Amino acid sequence: MRRLVLSIAVAFAAVLLQTPAQAGAPAQPATHEASAASKPKPSPWSPRTPTPTSPSTFTGLCSVDVEFTFPVDRVVQRRRIDAGGNTEIESKGRLVATITPSGTERHYTFDISGPSLGAHSQISYLNGDYLYRATGASIIVFFGTTVQGTGMPRLAFTRGPVGILYTGNVKADVITRPRTVIDLCEFMGLGTAP
């Protein structure tokens, strides 16, 4: 019985898999042009390009100025403009930050290679707002009044998905709270700026 079923299945497959010429139909001439429907659409994304991060010194985060340098910076970004004219940014690659408190020889190094891809991309809005989203490890800063009401330290090392909407330089809303938050001013033995 099994052989009979197998024989019928093979015969059925042979009929279905015949080329038009084998089935007695006239052969169609081969074309080398792809139809419009099968041509790939151009990507709305720009090509990925390196985006070097410049060393910076920040005032107003901790009780002393803190200098940031980036001994490893292999981040690439790509961008696209959405229908509303806002810029969506995807980042990936390795980024290592070293923080040195002013007036000290101490330095602290952090791997902050958390990517911002897909649902975790960043968005720069036309009105000046900025949505920061990332996965993995990040260093996040809150200047001036942006820290108020967030429950976050001014200078934070985070792990896990994070989403923060910065409204100009005035306000920030934590949309997705990361699972780990470390106050870096406290970690470095510094006070936090008022």
Foldseek 3Di string as FASTA:
>chain_A
DVVVVVVVVVVVVCVVPDDCVVVVHDDDDDDDDDDPVPDDDDDQKDDWDFDDDQWDWDPQFFPAIKIKDWPDGRKIKIWGADPQRKIWIWIADWTKIKIDGPPDPDIDIDTAGWTQDDVQIKIQDPQRKIKHWTAAWDWDAQHDQQCPPAPAGRTKIAHGIWIWIGDHNHYIHTPDDGPDIDSVCVVVVTGTGD
